[in-house]
Amino acid sequence: ILPQGRCVWFNAYQKSEEEDEEEEDEEEERDEPGEQEPEVGPPLLTPLSEDAEINHTPPWTARLSSHVVPQYALAILRSNLWPGAYAFTSNKKFENIYVGWGLKYNPENYSPPPPPEVMTEYPSGPEITEISDPTVEEEQALKAAQEEALEEEEEEEE
């Protein structure tokens, strides 16, 4: 990937033939940016030893796909600079794949602070425990019992 962020260099200031003809007709002078030089990326298939380290971490991690039958295993390289970039090979055939967000590895990535400790639950007691509503018969029985208790108190006072 070029520093411009593209795989193929694009000159944004390049003019088409029609624009050139129109510009020749106009005699107004304008300030235009200078010609840009094409960006050139690294050559293809450069050695891995030329890749830069990341905070004393090698740029690539190598492993085998299987340790059970190593003669049929694929050699897999994982990029530590571009998480999600892999290269794999079997014999003389190789392929590359990238599955990621397009962001380079950054050791100083933002990490949000951990959430606060979980609070203890409110103590459960009879004053806050829900109970089921009494039935009509239970309400009538309670009302009758309270009326009897009132009658007995009145008799004792007399």
C-alpha atoms as a PDB file:
ATOM      1  CA  ILE A   1       0.000   0.000   0.000  1.00  0.00           C
ATOM      2  CA  LEU A   2       1.438   3.348  -1.010  1.00  0.00           C
ATOM      3  CA  PRO A   3       1.662   6.277   1.436  1.00  0.00           C
ATOM      4  CA  GLN A   4      -1.226   7.794  -0.551  1.00  0.00           C
ATOM      5  CA  GLY A   5      -3.358   4.915   0.775  1.00  0.00           C
ATOM      6  CA  ARG A   6      -3.826   3.269  -2.630  1.00  0.00           C
ATOM      7  CA  CYS A   7      -2.309   0.274  -4.356  1.00  0.00           C
ATOM      8  CA  VAL A   8      -1.882   2.194  -7.639  1.00  0.00           C
ATOM      9  CA  TRP A   9      -0.658   5.794  -7.636  1.00  0.00           C
ATOM     10  CA  PHE A  10      -3.255   8.397  -8.664  1.00  0.00           C
ATOM     11  CA  ASN A  11      -2.342  11.948  -9.708  1.00  0.00           C
ATOM     12  CA  ALA A  12      -5.213  14.148  -8.566  1.00  0.00           C
ATOM     13  CA  TYR A  13      -3.813  17.149 -10.476  1.00  0.00           C
ATOM     14  CA  GLN A  14      -3.565  15.424 -13.860  1.00  0.00           C
ATOM     15  CA  LYS A  15      -5.660  17.203 -16.466  1.00  0.00           C
ATOM     16  CA  SER A  16      -7.453  15.701 -19.408  1.00  0.00           C
ATOM     17  CA  GLU A  17      -6.803  16.862 -22.991  1.00  0.00           C
ATOM     18  CA  GLU A  18     -10.002  18.964 -23.032  1.00  0.00           C
ATOM     19  CA  GLU A  19      -8.971  20.825 -19.895  1.00  0.00           C
ATOM     20  CA  ASP A  20      -5.522  21.477 -21.404  1.00  0.00           C
ATOM     21  CA  GLU A  21      -7.082  23.048 -24.526  1.00  0.00           C
ATOM     22  CA  GLU A  22      -9.417  25.226 -22.453  1.00  0.00           C
ATOM     23  CA  GLU A  23      -6.546  26.340 -20.288  1.00  0.00           C
ATOM     24  CA  GLU A  24      -4.473  27.371 -23.311  1.00  0.00           C
ATOM     25  CA  ASP A  25      -7.365  29.573 -24.458  1.00  0.00           C
ATOM     26  CA  GLU A  26      -7.506  31.293 -21.097  1.00  0.00           C
ATOM     27  CA  GLU A  27      -4.741  33.738 -20.390  1.00  0.00           C
ATOM     28  CA  GLU A  28      -5.372  34.087 -16.686  1.00  0.00           C
ATOM     29  CA  GLU A  29      -2.566  32.951 -14.506  1.00  0.00           C
ATOM     30  CA  ARG A  30      -3.460  30.838 -11.506  1.00  0.00           C
ATOM     31  CA  ASP A  31      -1.408  29.414  -8.681  1.00  0.00           C
ATOM     32  CA  GLU A  32      -1.292  25.676  -9.236  1.00  0.00           C
ATOM     33  CA  PRO A  33       0.532  23.121  -7.145  1.00  0.00           C
ATOM     34  CA  GLY A  34       3.669  21.694  -8.689  1.00  0.00           C
ATOM     35  CA  GLU A  35       3.715  18.374 -10.429  1.00  0.00           C
ATOM     36  CA  GLN A  36       3.563  15.513  -7.992  1.00  0.00           C
ATOM     37  CA  GLU A  37       6.009  12.713  -8.290  1.00  0.00           C
ATOM     38  CA  PRO A  38       4.503   9.221  -8.406  1.00  0.00           C
ATOM     39  CA  GLU A  39       4.747   7.342  -5.158  1.00  0.00           C
ATOM     40  CA  VAL A  40       6.523   4.035  -5.346  1.00  0.00           C
ATOM     41  CA  GLY A  41       5.830   1.241  -2.898  1.00  0.00           C
ATOM     42  CA  PRO A  42       8.205  -1.490  -1.847  1.00  0.00           C
ATOM     43  CA  PRO A  43       9.060  -4.112  -4.440  1.00  0.00           C
ATOM     44  CA  LEU A  44       7.004  -7.283  -4.424  1.00  0.00           C
ATOM     45  CA  LEU A  45       8.215 -10.370  -2.550  1.00  0.00           C
ATOM     46  CA  THR A  46      10.854  -8.648  -0.434  1.00  0.00           C
ATOM     47  CA  PRO A  47      12.475 -10.735   2.305  1.00  0.00           C
ATOM     48  CA  LEU A  48      10.756 -10.778   5.686  1.00  0.00           C
ATOM     49  CA  SER A  49      14.047  -9.891   7.344  1.00  0.00           C
ATOM     50  CA  GLU A  50      13.708  -6.369   5.899  1.00  0.00           C
ATOM     51  CA  ASP A  51      10.412  -5.674   7.711  1.00  0.00           C
ATOM     52  CA  ALA A  52      10.648  -3.335  10.701  1.00  0.00           C
ATOM     53  CA  GLU A  53      10.167  -4.591  14.259  1.00  0.00           C
ATOM     54  CA  ILE A  54       7.311  -3.311  16.407  1.00  0.00           C
ATOM     55  CA  ASN A  55       8.471  -2.514  19.957  1.00  0.00           C
ATOM     56  CA  HIS A  56      10.957  -5.414  19.963  1.00  0.00           C
ATOM     57  CA  THR A  57       8.319  -7.755  18.497  1.00  0.00           C
ATOM     58  CA  PRO A  58       9.047  -9.492  15.212  1.00  0.00           C
ATOM     59  CA  PRO A  59       6.848  -8.285  12.342  1.00  0.00           C
ATOM     60  CA  TRP A  60       5.673 -11.803  11.481  1.00  0.00           C
ATOM     61  CA  THR A  61       4.750 -14.899  13.489  1.00  0.00           C
ATOM     62  CA  ALA A  62       5.274 -18.265  11.765  1.00  0.00           C
ATOM     63  CA  ARG A  63       3.542 -21.544  12.604  1.00  0.00           C
ATOM     64  CA  LEU A  64       2.330 -24.784  11.063  1.00  0.00           C
ATOM     65  CA  SER A  65      -1.355 -25.450  10.505  1.00  0.00           C
ATOM     66  CA  SER A  66      -1.107 -28.920  12.041  1.00  0.00           C
ATOM     67  CA  HIS A  67       1.413 -30.734  14.179  1.00  0.00           C
ATOM     68  CA  VAL A  68      -0.336 -34.084  13.749  1.00  0.00           C
ATOM     69  CA  VAL A  69       0.827 -34.712  10.162  1.00  0.00           C
ATOM     70  CA  PRO A  70       3.583 -32.138   9.540  1.00  0.00           C
ATOM     71  CA  GLN A  71       4.425 -33.297   5.984  1.00  0.00           C
ATOM     72  CA  TYR A  72       0.947 -32.138   4.835  1.00  0.00           C
ATOM     73  CA  ALA A  73       0.717 -29.045   7.041  1.00  0.00           C
ATOM     74  CA  LEU A  74       0.594 -25.529   5.645  1.00  0.00           C
ATOM     75  CA  ALA A  75       3.155 -22.931   6.696  1.00  0.00           C
ATOM     76  CA  ILE A  76       1.281 -19.895   7.992  1.00  0.00           C
ATOM     77  CA  LEU A  77       2.681 -16.404   8.569  1.00  0.00           C
ATOM     78  CA  ARG A  78       0.674 -13.896  10.592  1.00  0.00           C
ATOM     79  CA  SER A  79       1.472 -10.172  10.419  1.00  0.00           C
ATOM     80  CA  ASN A  80       1.971  -8.496  13.779  1.00  0.00           C
ATOM     81  CA  LEU A  81       1.871  -5.038  12.146  1.00  0.00           C
ATOM     82  CA  TRP A  82      -1.420  -5.563  10.288  1.00  0.00           C
ATOM     83  CA  PRO A  83      -3.645  -7.796  12.481  1.00  0.00           C
ATOM     84  CA  GLY A  84      -5.687  -9.983  10.161  1.00  0.00           C
ATOM     85  CA  ALA A  85      -3.036 -10.299   7.427  1.00  0.00           C
ATOM     86  CA  TYR A  86      -1.958 -13.871   6.761  1.00  0.00           C
ATOM     87  CA  ALA A  87       0.241 -15.587   4.176  1.00  0.00           C
ATOM     88  CA  PHE A  88       0.174 -19.350   3.777  1.00  0.00           C
ATOM     89  CA  THR A  89       2.016 -21.783   1.579  1.00  0.00           C
ATOM     90  CA  SER A  90       2.049 -25.420   0.609  1.00  0.00           C
ATOM     91  CA  ASN A  91       5.002 -26.653  -1.440  1.00  0.00           C
ATOM     92  CA  LYS A  92       5.681 -23.861  -3.952  1.00  0.00           C
ATOM     93  CA  LYS A  93       2.179 -22.360  -3.991  1.00  0.00           C
ATOM     94  CA  PHE A  94       1.370 -19.430  -1.741  1.00  0.00           C
ATOM     95  CA  GLU A  95      -1.521 -17.078  -1.088  1.00  0.00           C
ATOM     96  CA  ASN A  96      -2.234 -13.980   1.010  1.00  0.00           C
ATOM     97  CA  ILE A  97      -5.431 -13.006   2.788  1.00  0.00           C
ATOM     98  CA  TYR A  98      -6.462 -10.043   4.888  1.00  0.00           C
ATOM     99  CA  VAL A  99      -9.504 -10.032   7.155  1.00  0.00           C
ATOM    100  CA  GLY A 100      -9.559  -6.983   9.367  1.00  0.00           C
ATOM    101  CA  TRP A 101     -10.476  -3.344   9.897  1.00  0.00           C
ATOM    102  CA  GLY A 102      -7.573  -1.821   7.953  1.00  0.00           C
ATOM    103  CA  LEU A 103      -5.861  -0.464  11.063  1.00  0.00           C
ATOM    104  CA  LYS A 104      -2.222  -1.008  11.913  1.00  0.00           C
ATOM    105  CA  TYR A 105      -1.222  -2.459  15.261  1.00  0.00           C
ATOM    106  CA  ASN A 106      -0.646   0.279  17.814  1.00  0.00           C
ATOM    107  CA  PRO A 107       0.783  -0.724  21.190  1.00  0.00           C
ATOM    108  CA  GLU A 108      -0.643   2.446  22.748  1.00  0.00           C
ATOM    109  CA  ASN A 109      -4.232   1.645  21.768  1.00  0.00           C
ATOM    110  CA  TYR A 110      -6.922   3.214  23.927  1.00  0.00           C
ATOM    111  CA  SER A 111      -8.289   0.855  26.493  1.00  0.00           C
ATOM    112  CA  PRO A 112     -11.298   2.090  28.457  1.00  0.00           C
ATOM    113  CA  PRO A 113     -11.107   1.934  32.245  1.00  0.00           C
ATOM    114  CA  PRO A 114     -12.609  -1.171  33.799  1.00  0.00           C
ATOM    115  CA  PRO A 115     -16.157  -0.868  35.108  1.00  0.00           C
ATOM    116  CA  PRO A 116     -16.630  -0.311  38.852  1.00  0.00           C
ATOM    117  CA  GLU A 117     -17.049  -3.246  41.194  1.00  0.00           C
ATOM    118  CA  VAL A 118     -20.482  -4.834  41.278  1.00  0.00           C
ATOM    119  CA  MET A 119     -22.491  -3.545  44.224  1.00  0.00           C
ATOM    120  CA  THR A 120     -23.903  -5.940  46.799  1.00  0.00           C
ATOM    121  CA  GLU A 121     -27.608  -6.673  46.594  1.00  0.00           C
ATOM    122  CA  TYR A 122     -30.056  -5.049  48.965  1.00  0.00           C
ATOM    123  CA  PRO A 123     -30.662  -7.326  51.951  1.00  0.00           C
ATOM    124  CA  SER A 124     -33.812  -9.323  51.488  1.00  0.00           C
ATOM    125  CA  GLY A 125     -36.187  -9.374  54.435  1.00  0.00           C
ATOM    126  CA  PRO A 126     -39.905  -9.701  55.160  1.00  0.00           C
ATOM    127  CA  GLU A 127     -40.448  -5.925  54.858  1.00  0.00           C
ATOM    128  CA  ILE A 128     -39.473  -5.934  51.147  1.00  0.00           C
ATOM    129  CA  THR A 129     -40.454  -9.450  50.133  1.00  0.00           C
ATOM    130  CA  GLU A 130     -43.443  -9.623  47.842  1.00  0.00           C
ATOM    131  CA  ILE A 131     -46.332 -11.823  48.904  1.00  0.00           C
ATOM    132  CA  SER A 132     -49.286 -13.046  46.918  1.00  0.00           C
ATOM    133  CA  ASP A 133     -52.631 -11.289  47.388  1.00  0.00           C
ATOM    134  CA  PRO A 134     -55.156 -13.056  49.654  1.00  0.00           C
ATOM    135  CA  THR A 135     -58.257 -14.589  48.134  1.00  0.00           C
ATOM    136  CA  VAL A 136     -61.749 -13.184  48.864  1.00  0.00           C
ATOM    137  CA  GLU A 137     -62.449 -15.981  51.371  1.00  0.00           C
ATOM    138  CA  GLU A 138     -59.202 -15.254  53.242  1.00  0.00           C
ATOM    139  CA  GLU A 139     -60.061 -11.530  53.400  1.00  0.00           C
ATOM    140  CA  GLN A 140     -63.531 -12.282  54.767  1.00  0.00           C
ATOM    141  CA  ALA A 141     -62.086 -14.658  57.361  1.00  0.00           C
ATOM    142  CA  LEU A 142     -59.554 -12.006  58.465  1.00  0.00           C
ATOM    143  CA  LYS A 143     -62.291  -9.348  58.685  1.00  0.00           C
ATOM    144  CA  ALA A 144     -64.449 -11.673  60.795  1.00  0.00           C
ATOM    145  CA  ALA A 145     -61.513 -12.453  63.105  1.00  0.00           C
ATOM    146  CA  GLN A 146     -60.798  -8.728  63.587  1.00  0.00           C
ATOM    147  CA  GLU A 147     -64.462  -8.013  64.367  1.00  0.00           C
ATOM    148  CA  GLU A 148     -64.478 -10.793  66.976  1.00  0.00           C
ATOM    149  CA  ALA A 149     -61.310  -9.405  68.532  1.00  0.00           C
ATOM    150  CA  LEU A 150     -62.934  -5.926  68.780  1.00  0.00           C
ATOM    151  CA  GLU A 151     -66.085  -7.364  70.355  1.00  0.00           C
ATOM    152  CA  GLU A 152     -64.020  -9.235  72.970  1.00  0.00           C
ATOM    153  CA  GLU A 153     -62.063  -6.085  73.846  1.00  0.00           C
ATOM    154  CA  GLU A 154     -65.305  -4.115  74.263  1.00  0.00           C
ATOM    155  CA  GLU A 155     -66.723  -6.841  76.558  1.00  0.00           C
ATOM    156  CA  GLU A 156     -63.587  -6.837  78.693  1.00  0.00           C
ATOM    157  CA  GLU A 157     -63.725  -3.045  79.079  1.00  0.00           C
ATOM    158  CA  GLU A 158     -67.354  -3.107  80.294  1.00  0.00           C
END
